[in-house]
C-alpha atoms as a PDB file:
ATOM      1  CA  UNK A   1      37.810  15.775 -96.708  1.00  0.00           C
ATOM      2  CA  UNK A   2      36.485  14.154 -99.934  1.00  0.00           C
ATOM      3  CA  UNK A   3      38.662  15.069-102.894  1.00  0.00           C
ATOM      4  CA  UNK A   4      37.046  16.232-106.116  1.00  0.00           C
ATOM      5  CA  UNK A   5      38.124  14.206-109.130  1.00  0.00           C
ATOM      6  CA  UNK A   6      37.157  14.175-112.811  1.00  0.00           C
ATOM      7  CA  UNK A   7      36.450  10.406-112.665  1.00  0.00           C
ATOM      8  CA  UNK A   8      32.791   9.269-113.051  1.00  0.00           C
ATOM      9  CA  UNK A   9      31.375   7.939-109.884  1.00  0.00           C
ATOM     10  CA  UNK A  10      31.268   4.160-109.590  1.00  0.00           C
ATOM     11  CA  UNK A  11      27.792   2.823-110.536  1.00  0.00           C
ATOM     12  CA  UNK A  12      26.318   0.765-107.789  1.00  0.00           C
ATOM     13  CA  UNK A  13      25.158  -2.810-108.602  1.00  0.00           C
ATOM     14  CA  UNK A  14      21.560  -2.904-109.815  1.00  0.00           C
ATOM     15  CA  UNK A  15      21.292   0.844-110.049  1.00  0.00           C
ATOM     16  CA  UNK A  16      19.317   2.138-113.060  1.00  0.00           C
ATOM     17  CA  UNK A  17      18.745   5.951-113.281  1.00  0.00           C
ATOM     18  CA  UNK A  18      15.054   5.662-114.033  1.00  0.00           C
ATOM     19  CA  UNK A  19      12.125   7.609-112.653  1.00  0.00           C
ATOM     20  CA  UNK A  20      11.727   5.245-109.757  1.00  0.00           C
ATOM     21  CA  UNK A  21      15.328   5.919-108.782  1.00  0.00           C
ATOM     22  CA  UNK A  22      14.811   9.626-108.803  1.00  0.00           C
ATOM     23  CA  UNK A  23      11.764   9.431-106.540  1.00  0.00           C
ATOM     24  CA  UNK A  24      13.249   7.149-103.928  1.00  0.00           C
ATOM     25  CA  UNK A  25      15.426   4.026-103.675  1.00  0.00           C
ATOM     26  CA  UNK A  26      17.168   2.762-106.790  1.00  0.00           C
ATOM     27  CA  UNK A  27      15.380  -0.153-108.492  1.00  0.00           C
ATOM     28  CA  UNK A  28      17.398  -2.903-106.846  1.00  0.00           C
ATOM     29  CA  UNK A  29      16.715  -5.618-104.312  1.00  0.00           C
ATOM     30  CA  UNK A  30      17.448  -5.449-100.634  1.00  0.00           C
ATOM     31  CA  UNK A  31      20.912  -7.128-100.730  1.00  0.00           C
ATOM     32  CA  UNK A  32      22.069  -4.715-103.440  1.00  0.00           C
ATOM     33  CA  UNK A  33      21.140  -1.773-101.136  1.00  0.00           C
ATOM     34  CA  UNK A  34      23.862  -2.789 -98.714  1.00  0.00           C
ATOM     35  CA  UNK A  35      26.793  -1.453-100.747  1.00  0.00           C
ATOM     36  CA  UNK A  36      24.890   1.756-101.206  1.00  0.00           C
ATOM     37  CA  UNK A  37      24.401   2.152 -97.492  1.00  0.00           C
ATOM     38  CA  UNK A  38      28.008   1.320 -96.717  1.00  0.00           C
ATOM     39  CA  UNK A  39      29.251   3.851 -99.301  1.00  0.00           C
ATOM     40  CA  UNK A  40      26.926   6.548 -97.827  1.00  0.00           C
ATOM     41  CA  UNK A  41      28.176   5.832 -94.287  1.00  0.00           C
ATOM     42  CA  UNK A  42      31.807   5.966 -95.452  1.00  0.00           C
ATOM     43  CA  UNK A  43      31.221   9.305 -97.193  1.00  0.00           C
ATOM     44  CA  UNK A  44      29.676  10.843 -94.058  1.00  0.00           C
ATOM     45  CA  UNK A  45      32.535   9.618 -91.814  1.00  0.00           C
ATOM     46  CA  UNK A  46      35.090  11.033 -94.283  1.00  0.00           C
ATOM     47  CA  UNK A  47      33.400  14.439 -94.396  1.00  0.00           C
ATOM     48  CA  UNK A  48      33.411  14.566 -90.581  1.00  0.00           C
ATOM     49  CA  UNK A  49      37.060  13.680 -90.207  1.00  0.00           C
ATOM     50  CA  UNK A  50      39.478  16.464 -89.112  1.00  0.00           C
ATOM     51  CA  UNK A  51      43.006  16.810 -90.523  1.00  0.00           C
ATOM     52  CA  UNK A  52      45.848  17.439 -88.043  1.00  0.00           C
ATOM     53  CA  UNK A  53      45.797  21.088 -89.057  1.00  0.00           C
ATOM     54  CA  UNK A  54      42.072  21.386 -88.282  1.00  0.00           C
ATOM     55  CA  UNK A  55      42.602  19.722 -84.841  1.00  0.00           C
ATOM     56  CA  UNK A  56      45.238  22.386 -84.098  1.00  0.00           C
ATOM     57  CA  UNK A  57      42.858  25.109 -85.120  1.00  0.00           C
ATOM     58  CA  UNK A  58      40.164  23.667 -82.792  1.00  0.00           C
ATOM     59  CA  UNK A  59      42.686  23.739 -79.890  1.00  0.00           C
ATOM     60  CA  UNK A  60      43.429  27.407 -80.575  1.00  0.00           C
ATOM     61  CA  UNK A  61      39.698  28.185 -80.664  1.00  0.00           C
ATOM     62  CA  UNK A  62      39.131  26.452 -77.368  1.00  0.00           C
ATOM     63  CA  UNK A  63      41.851  28.472 -75.790  1.00  0.00           C
ATOM     64  CA  UNK A  64      40.287  31.641 -77.259  1.00  0.00           C
ATOM     65  CA  UNK A  65      36.968  30.544 -75.852  1.00  0.00           C
ATOM     66  CA  UNK A  66      38.492  30.268 -72.343  1.00  0.00           C
ATOM     67  CA  UNK A  67      39.734  33.882 -72.632  1.00  0.00           C
ATOM     68  CA  UNK A  68      36.353  34.886 -73.816  1.00  0.00           C
ATOM     69  CA  UNK A  69      34.766  33.468 -70.700  1.00  0.00           C
ATOM     70  CA  UNK A  70      37.103  35.626 -68.624  1.00  0.00           C
ATOM     71  CA  UNK A  71      35.894  38.721 -70.473  1.00  0.00           C
ATOM     72  CA  UNK A  72      32.266  37.739 -70.076  1.00  0.00           C
ATOM     73  CA  UNK A  73      32.716  37.467 -66.352  1.00  0.00           C
ATOM     74  CA  UNK A  74      34.152  41.011 -66.343  1.00  0.00           C
ATOM     75  CA  UNK A  75      31.328  42.404 -68.466  1.00  0.00           C
ATOM     76  CA  UNK A  76      29.294  45.048 -66.608  1.00  0.00           C
ATOM     77  CA  UNK A  77      31.710  45.249 -63.712  1.00  0.00           C
ATOM     78  CA  UNK A  78      33.805  48.092 -62.385  1.00  0.00           C
ATOM     79  CA  UNK A  79      37.536  47.948 -62.858  1.00  0.00           C
ATOM     80  CA  UNK A  80      38.792  45.145 -60.671  1.00  0.00           C
ATOM     81  CA  UNK A  81      41.620  46.075 -58.322  1.00  0.00           C
ATOM     82  CA  UNK A  82      44.603  43.746 -58.806  1.00  0.00           C
ATOM     83  CA  UNK A  83      47.972  43.418 -57.029  1.00  0.00           C
ATOM     84  CA  UNK A  84      50.270  44.025 -59.928  1.00  0.00           C
ATOM     85  CA  UNK A  85      53.209  41.728 -58.921  1.00  0.00           C
ATOM     86  CA  UNK A  86      50.943  38.720 -58.150  1.00  0.00           C
ATOM     87  CA  UNK A  87      49.068  39.409 -61.373  1.00  0.00           C
ATOM     88  CA  UNK A  88      52.259  39.334 -63.434  1.00  0.00           C
ATOM     89  CA  UNK A  89      53.377  36.084 -61.828  1.00  0.00           C
ATOM     90  CA  UNK A  90      49.968  34.455 -62.535  1.00  0.00           C
ATOM     91  CA  UNK A  91      49.972  35.502 -66.216  1.00  0.00           C
ATOM     92  CA  UNK A  92      53.485  34.314 -66.830  1.00  0.00           C
ATOM     93  CA  UNK A  93      52.544  30.916 -65.338  1.00  0.00           C
ATOM     94  CA  UNK A  94      49.414  30.731 -67.519  1.00  0.00           C
ATOM     95  CA  UNK A  95      51.314  31.459 -70.653  1.00  0.00           C
ATOM     96  CA  UNK A  96      54.017  28.924 -69.863  1.00  0.00           C
ATOM     97  CA  UNK A  97      52.358  26.088 -71.733  1.00  0.00           C
ATOM     98  CA  UNK A  98      51.835  28.330 -74.766  1.00  0.00           C
ATOM     99  CA  UNK A  99      55.340  29.760 -75.164  1.00  0.00           C
ATOM    100  CA  UNK A 100      55.749  32.006 -78.116  1.00  0.00           C
ATOM    101  CA  UNK A 101      52.102  32.798 -78.247  1.00  0.00           C
ATOM    102  CA  UNK A 102      50.006  35.794 -77.122  1.00  0.00           C
ATOM    103  CA  UNK A 103      46.811  34.896 -75.392  1.00  0.00           C
ATOM    104  CA  UNK A 104      43.999  37.428 -75.986  1.00  0.00           C
ATOM    105  CA  UNK A 105      42.236  38.333 -72.639  1.00  0.00           C
ATOM    106  CA  UNK A 106      39.142  40.018 -74.177  1.00  0.00           C
ATOM    107  CA  UNK A 107      39.984  43.435 -72.599  1.00  0.00           C
ATOM    108  CA  UNK A 108      39.177  42.594 -68.980  1.00  0.00           C
ATOM    109  CA  UNK A 109      38.898  45.849 -66.939  1.00  0.00           C
ATOM    110  CA  UNK A 110      41.486  46.108 -64.082  1.00  0.00           C
ATOM    111  CA  UNK A 111      43.062  48.785 -61.904  1.00  0.00           C
ATOM    112  CA  UNK A 112      46.472  48.671 -60.138  1.00  0.00           C
ATOM    113  CA  UNK A 113      48.719  50.857 -58.044  1.00  0.00           C
ATOM    114  CA  UNK A 114      52.160  51.576 -59.462  1.00  0.00           C
ATOM    115  CA  UNK A 115      54.780  54.260 -60.017  1.00  0.00           C
ATOM    116  CA  UNK A 116      55.232  55.969 -63.366  1.00  0.00           C
ATOM    117  CA  UNK A 117      58.794  55.003 -64.168  1.00  0.00           C
ATOM    118  CA  UNK A 118      58.913  56.774 -67.534  1.00  0.00           C
ATOM    119  CA  UNK A 119      56.435  59.127 -69.164  1.00  0.00           C
ATOM    120  CA  UNK A 120      54.394  58.083 -72.138  1.00  0.00           C
ATOM    121  CA  UNK A 121      56.340  58.052 -75.457  1.00  0.00           C
ATOM    122  CA  UNK A 122      55.085  57.725 -78.926  1.00  0.00           C
ATOM    123  CA  UNK A 123      55.620  54.374 -80.478  1.00  0.00           C
ATOM    124  CA  UNK A 124      54.230  52.610 -83.529  1.00  0.00           C
ATOM    125  CA  UNK A 125      51.610  50.053 -82.454  1.00  0.00           C
ATOM    126  CA  UNK A 126      50.374  47.031 -84.410  1.00  0.00           C
ATOM    127  CA  UNK A 127      49.386  44.046 -82.338  1.00  0.00           C
ATOM    128  CA  UNK A 128      47.427  46.032 -79.768  1.00  0.00           C
ATOM    129  CA  UNK A 129      44.785  46.862 -82.482  1.00  0.00           C
ATOM    130  CA  UNK A 130      44.615  43.208 -83.572  1.00  0.00           C
ATOM    131  CA  UNK A 131      43.934  42.113 -79.946  1.00  0.00           C
ATOM    132  CA  UNK A 132      41.319  44.725 -79.441  1.00  0.00           C
ATOM    133  CA  UNK A 133      39.577  43.702 -82.630  1.00  0.00           C
ATOM    134  CA  UNK A 134      39.563  40.082 -81.527  1.00  0.00           C
ATOM    135  CA  UNK A 135      37.999  41.206 -78.262  1.00  0.00           C
ATOM    136  CA  UNK A 136      35.318  42.990 -80.346  1.00  0.00           C
ATOM    137  CA  UNK A 137      36.042  46.411 -78.866  1.00  0.00           C
ATOM    138  CA  UNK A 138      34.067  49.088 -80.631  1.00  0.00           C
ATOM    139  CA  UNK A 139      34.981  51.837 -81.278  1.00  0.00           C
ATOM    140  CA  UNK A 140      38.665  51.119 -81.115  1.00  0.00           C
ATOM    141  CA  UNK A 141      40.616  53.490 -78.803  1.00  0.00           C
ATOM    142  CA  UNK A 142      43.466  55.495 -80.316  1.00  0.00           C
ATOM    143  CA  UNK A 143      46.634  53.968 -78.970  1.00  0.00           C
ATOM    144  CA  UNK A 144      49.995  55.463 -79.945  1.00  0.00           C
ATOM    145  CA  UNK A 145      51.975  55.666 -76.679  1.00  0.00           C
ATOM    146  CA  UNK A 146      53.837  53.298 -74.360  1.00  0.00           C
ATOM    147  CA  UNK A 147      55.079  54.046 -70.913  1.00  0.00           C
ATOM    148  CA  UNK A 148      56.825  52.106 -68.150  1.00  0.00           C
ATOM    149  CA  UNK A 149      55.463  51.662 -64.700  1.00  0.00           C
ATOM    150  CA  UNK A 150      57.132  50.155 -61.560  1.00  0.00           C
ATOM    151  CA  UNK A 151      55.388  47.676 -59.309  1.00  0.00           C
ATOM    152  CA  UNK A 152      55.585  47.644 -55.511  1.00  0.00           C
ATOM    153  CA  UNK A 153      58.248  44.970 -55.643  1.00  0.00           C
ATOM    154  CA  UNK A 154      60.259  46.848 -58.343  1.00  0.00           C
ATOM    155  CA  UNK A 155      59.162  45.145 -61.523  1.00  0.00           C
ATOM    156  CA  UNK A 156      59.471  47.487 -64.554  1.00  0.00           C
ATOM    157  CA  UNK A 157      56.476  46.871 -66.772  1.00  0.00           C
ATOM    158  CA  UNK A 158      55.656  48.439 -70.262  1.00  0.00           C
ATOM    159  CA  UNK A 159      52.033  49.354 -70.652  1.00  0.00           C
ATOM    160  CA  UNK A 160      50.078  50.832 -73.598  1.00  0.00           C
ATOM    161  CA  UNK A 161      48.433  54.175 -73.046  1.00  0.00           C
ATOM    162  CA  UNK A 162      45.338  55.574 -74.752  1.00  0.00           C
ATOM    163  CA  UNK A 163      45.822  58.919 -76.477  1.00  0.00           C
ATOM    164  CA  UNK A 164      43.921  61.170 -74.048  1.00  0.00           C
ATOM    165  CA  UNK A 165      45.257  59.399 -70.977  1.00  0.00           C
ATOM    166  CA  UNK A 166      48.773  59.945 -72.356  1.00  0.00           C
ATOM    167  CA  UNK A 167      48.230  63.665 -72.666  1.00  0.00           C
ATOM    168  CA  UNK A 168      46.959  63.919 -69.172  1.00  0.00           C
ATOM    169  CA  UNK A 169      49.839  61.904 -67.710  1.00  0.00           C
ATOM    170  CA  UNK A 170      52.435  64.122 -69.245  1.00  0.00           C
ATOM    171  CA  UNK A 171      50.761  67.171 -67.657  1.00  0.00           C
ATOM    172  CA  UNK A 172      49.552  65.806 -64.365  1.00  0.00           C
ATOM    173  CA  UNK A 173      51.889  63.072 -63.133  1.00  0.00           C
ATOM    174  CA  UNK A 174      55.703  63.388 -62.514  1.00  0.00           C
ATOM    175  CA  UNK A 175      58.044  60.523 -63.134  1.00  0.00           C
ATOM    176  CA  UNK A 176      58.383  58.479 -60.004  1.00  0.00           C
ATOM    177  CA  UNK A 177      54.919  59.562 -58.802  1.00  0.00           C
ATOM    178  CA  UNK A 178      52.484  56.858 -57.693  1.00  0.00           C
ATOM    179  CA  UNK A 179      48.982  56.482 -58.996  1.00  0.00           C
ATOM    180  CA  UNK A 180      46.098  54.044 -59.445  1.00  0.00           C
ATOM    181  CA  UNK A 181      45.887  53.220 -63.109  1.00  0.00           C
ATOM    182  CA  UNK A 182      42.746  51.960 -64.716  1.00  0.00           C
ATOM    183  CA  UNK A 183      42.810  50.012 -67.909  1.00  0.00           C
ATOM    184  CA  UNK A 184      42.282  46.737 -69.714  1.00  0.00           C
ATOM    185  CA  UNK A 185      44.095  43.402 -69.741  1.00  0.00           C
ATOM    186  CA  UNK A 186      44.340  43.007 -73.463  1.00  0.00           C
ATOM    187  CA  UNK A 187      46.549  39.943 -73.836  1.00  0.00           C
ATOM    188  CA  UNK A 188      49.332  38.019 -72.063  1.00  0.00           C
ATOM    189  CA  UNK A 189      52.716  36.890 -73.418  1.00  0.00           C
ATOM    190  CA  UNK A 190      55.958  35.331 -72.055  1.00  0.00           C
ATOM    191  CA  UNK A 191      56.791  38.448 -69.992  1.00  0.00           C
ATOM    192  CA  UNK A 192      53.387  38.820 -68.435  1.00  0.00           C
ATOM    193  CA  UNK A 193      50.117  40.849 -69.072  1.00  0.00           C
ATOM    194  CA  UNK A 194      49.805  43.531 -71.748  1.00  0.00           C
ATOM    195  CA  UNK A 195      47.806  46.376 -70.151  1.00  0.00           C
ATOM    196  CA  UNK A 196      46.187  49.356 -71.838  1.00  0.00           C
ATOM    197  CA  UNK A 197      45.924  52.345 -69.513  1.00  0.00           C
ATOM    198  CA  UNK A 198      42.872  54.565 -70.106  1.00  0.00           C
ATOM    199  CA  UNK A 199      42.733  56.588 -66.859  1.00  0.00           C
ATOM    200  CA  UNK A 200      44.560  57.237 -63.624  1.00  0.00           C
ATOM    201  CA  UNK A 201      44.168  58.846 -60.217  1.00  0.00           C
ATOM    202  CA  UNK A 202      47.236  60.202 -58.426  1.00  0.00           C
ATOM    203  CA  UNK A 203      47.994  58.591 -55.093  1.00  0.00           C
ATOM    204  CA  UNK A 204      46.250  60.272 -52.183  1.00  0.00           C
ATOM    205  CA  UNK A 205      43.277  61.558 -54.225  1.00  0.00           C
ATOM    206  CA  UNK A 206      41.272  58.342 -53.878  1.00  0.00           C
ATOM    207  CA  UNK A 207      40.573  56.326 -50.765  1.00  0.00           C
ATOM    208  CA  UNK A 208      42.271  52.992 -50.894  1.00  0.00           C
ATOM    209  CA  UNK A 209      45.114  53.910 -53.157  1.00  0.00           C
ATOM    210  CA  UNK A 210      48.314  52.314 -51.907  1.00  0.00           C
END
């Protein structure tokens, strides 16, 4: 970027700040215009240059844009049924090249079959709200519970639970019972997808629940 200084700008050869200069080209011959053009081109090139930090920010924005496209594809669709074990494996692989980062997934709607390993417990939440705001979810759901579910192949997975869904789960589903959970893929990190559960149907009450 061009730095601001207190130094007076260098006067170009042949330049006289008269009325003619204010209305168009400075009062100078064609050859003396060349330094002016070169200086102008250099200024434009400098203004367009990115610092290393800016390039890094552009890379992050491109990654966010990729996630946004996933959300756009899911917009207007019903909750997409996923196989939880394969989904976890895929997300861990996707995050591999971005270790230490969380990749926002724009709240893609999904549903999955699993067992409730541990009932919802109150827990202070912070990043979930940040991720939902990035995904432009309005209004924000009230999320203050976490629970653990068990996949078909025995993976124990922590999930966020929306307030009303948490109250229903405590009353209607026993620990160890299977259900089809509906929710949103909010972000992914090194251990897999972060899912927000907003609804559920106990196994056997819906055709196709495994």
